[in-house]
C-alpha atoms as a PDB file:
ATOM      1  CA  UNK A   1      -0.192  -0.183   0.088  1.00  0.00           C
ATOM      2  CA  UNK A   2       1.531   3.634  -0.991  1.00  0.00           C
ATOM      3  CA  UNK A   3       1.583   6.499   1.071  1.00  0.00           C
ATOM      4  CA  UNK A   4       0.482  10.097   0.015  1.00  0.00           C
ATOM      5  CA  UNK A   5       2.914  12.061  -0.887  1.00  0.00           C
ATOM      6  CA  UNK A   6       4.152  14.434   1.087  1.00  0.00           C
ATOM      7  CA  UNK A   7       5.725  17.692  -0.984  1.00  0.00           C
ATOM      8  CA  UNK A   8       8.402  19.393   1.092  1.00  0.00           C
ATOM      9  CA  UNK A   9      10.030  21.671  -1.010  1.00  0.00           C
ATOM     10  CA  UNK A  10      10.615  22.681  -4.626  1.00  0.00           C
ATOM     11  CA  UNK A  11      13.656  23.695  -6.547  1.00  0.00           C
ATOM     12  CA  UNK A  12      15.589  24.925  -9.638  1.00  0.00           C
ATOM     13  CA  UNK A  13      18.282  23.247 -11.630  1.00  0.00           C
ATOM     14  CA  UNK A  14      20.814  26.325 -11.826  1.00  0.00           C
ATOM     15  CA  UNK A  15      22.896  24.724 -13.857  1.00  0.00           C
ATOM     16  CA  UNK A  16      23.195  20.505 -14.999  1.00  0.00           C
ATOM     17  CA  UNK A  17      25.585  19.684 -11.932  1.00  0.00           C
ATOM     18  CA  UNK A  18      23.315  23.150  -9.159  1.00  0.00           C
ATOM     19  CA  UNK A  19      20.053  22.704  -8.134  1.00  0.00           C
ATOM     20  CA  UNK A  20      18.753  25.412  -5.729  1.00  0.00           C
ATOM     21  CA  UNK A  21      15.167  24.535  -3.461  1.00  0.00           C
ATOM     22  CA  UNK A  22      13.507  25.538  -0.405  1.00  0.00           C
ATOM     23  CA  UNK A  23      12.590  23.142   2.026  1.00  0.00           C
ATOM     24  CA  UNK A  24       9.444  23.538   4.136  1.00  0.00           C
ATOM     25  CA  UNK A  25      11.133  22.336   7.646  1.00  0.00           C
ATOM     26  CA  UNK A  26       7.628  21.954   9.146  1.00  0.00           C
ATOM     27  CA  UNK A  27       7.104  19.137   6.226  1.00  0.00           C
ATOM     28  CA  UNK A  28       9.336  16.581   8.233  1.00  0.00           C
ATOM     29  CA  UNK A  29       8.566  16.178  11.824  1.00  0.00           C
ATOM     30  CA  UNK A  30       7.074  13.401  11.029  1.00  0.00           C
ATOM     31  CA  UNK A  31       9.399  10.994   8.991  1.00  0.00           C
ATOM     32  CA  UNK A  32      12.859  11.483  11.013  1.00  0.00           C
ATOM     33  CA  UNK A  33      13.661   8.358  11.167  1.00  0.00           C
ATOM     34  CA  UNK A  34      17.090   7.603  13.286  1.00  0.00           C
ATOM     35  CA  UNK A  35      20.507   4.986  12.763  1.00  0.00           C
ATOM     36  CA  UNK A  36      22.966   4.915  15.529  1.00  0.00           C
ATOM     37  CA  UNK A  37      21.907   7.617  16.890  1.00  0.00           C
ATOM     38  CA  UNK A  38      21.526  10.221  14.610  1.00  0.00           C
ATOM     39  CA  UNK A  39      18.900  11.348  12.716  1.00  0.00           C
ATOM     40  CA  UNK A  40      18.131  11.095   9.045  1.00  0.00           C
ATOM     41  CA  UNK A  41      15.097  12.550   6.223  1.00  0.00           C
ATOM     42  CA  UNK A  42      14.950  10.315   3.307  1.00  0.00           C
ATOM     43  CA  UNK A  43      14.024  13.050   0.602  1.00  0.00           C
ATOM     44  CA  UNK A  44      12.873  12.289  -2.546  1.00  0.00           C
ATOM     45  CA  UNK A  45      14.589  15.290  -5.469  1.00  0.00           C
ATOM     46  CA  UNK A  46      13.135  15.225  -8.983  1.00  0.00           C
ATOM     47  CA  UNK A  47      14.004  17.417 -12.281  1.00  0.00           C
ATOM     48  CA  UNK A  48      10.198  17.894 -14.167  1.00  0.00           C
ATOM     49  CA  UNK A  49      10.542  17.825 -18.344  1.00  0.00           C
ATOM     50  CA  UNK A  50       8.692  21.685 -17.749  1.00  0.00           C
ATOM     51  CA  UNK A  51       8.908  24.066 -15.352  1.00  0.00           C
ATOM     52  CA  UNK A  52       5.712  24.803 -13.447  1.00  0.00           C
ATOM     53  CA  UNK A  53       3.741  27.619 -13.046  1.00  0.00           C
ATOM     54  CA  UNK A  54       6.127  28.759 -11.397  1.00  0.00           C
ATOM     55  CA  UNK A  55       8.747  27.873 -13.132  1.00  0.00           C
ATOM     56  CA  UNK A  56      10.187  25.495 -11.066  1.00  0.00           C
ATOM     57  CA  UNK A  57      11.964  22.769 -12.628  1.00  0.00           C
ATOM     58  CA  UNK A  58      12.134  20.555  -9.370  1.00  0.00           C
ATOM     59  CA  UNK A  59      10.497  18.967  -6.906  1.00  0.00           C
ATOM     60  CA  UNK A  60      10.598  17.368  -2.932  1.00  0.00           C
ATOM     61  CA  UNK A  61       9.252  14.941  -2.002  1.00  0.00           C
ATOM     62  CA  UNK A  62       9.643  12.878   1.827  1.00  0.00           C
ATOM     63  CA  UNK A  63      10.236   8.828   0.549  1.00  0.00           C
ATOM     64  CA  UNK A  64       7.650   7.630   3.411  1.00  0.00           C
ATOM     65  CA  UNK A  65       8.333   3.899   1.712  1.00  0.00           C
ATOM     66  CA  UNK A  66       9.078   1.521   4.908  1.00  0.00           C
ATOM     67  CA  UNK A  67       9.043  -2.261   4.189  1.00  0.00           C
ATOM     68  CA  UNK A  68       6.769  -4.480   5.328  1.00  0.00           C
ATOM     69  CA  UNK A  69       7.945  -6.256   8.598  1.00  0.00           C
ATOM     70  CA  UNK A  70       8.642  -9.899   8.610  1.00  0.00           C
ATOM     71  CA  UNK A  71       6.265 -12.151  10.740  1.00  0.00           C
ATOM     72  CA  UNK A  72       7.812 -14.042  13.361  1.00  0.00           C
ATOM     73  CA  UNK A  73       7.219 -17.874  12.361  1.00  0.00           C
ATOM     74  CA  UNK A  74       4.700 -19.847  14.792  1.00  0.00           C
ATOM     75  CA  UNK A  75       6.496 -21.877  17.100  1.00  0.00           C
ATOM     76  CA  UNK A  76       5.010 -25.176  17.964  1.00  0.00           C
ATOM     77  CA  UNK A  77       4.451 -27.234  21.701  1.00  0.00           C
ATOM     78  CA  UNK A  78       6.522 -25.983  23.629  1.00  0.00           C
ATOM     79  CA  UNK A  79       8.874 -23.241  24.326  1.00  0.00           C
ATOM     80  CA  UNK A  80      11.515 -25.384  25.789  1.00  0.00           C
ATOM     81  CA  UNK A  81      11.820 -27.649  22.620  1.00  0.00           C
ATOM     82  CA  UNK A  82      14.837 -26.985  20.308  1.00  0.00           C
ATOM     83  CA  UNK A  83      13.380 -26.603  16.800  1.00  0.00           C
ATOM     84  CA  UNK A  84      15.006 -29.485  15.175  1.00  0.00           C
END
């Protein structure tokens, strides 16, 4: 099941290797992830084929994809039994 795309900013391609963008940090609060004591936000940055009505040709959205949780195998019998 895919979540609704969360747009958090936009920008403009200045040169082939330079994009200038503005990001709304208020959109991040529900999507901060932590790993090894550091906080991260995964973003999708897309260069659009054509500029939008404001001349922006870069769109930025939060990557909300999460892997499916693996289900633990059901145990058979007592918890003291060996699995073989």
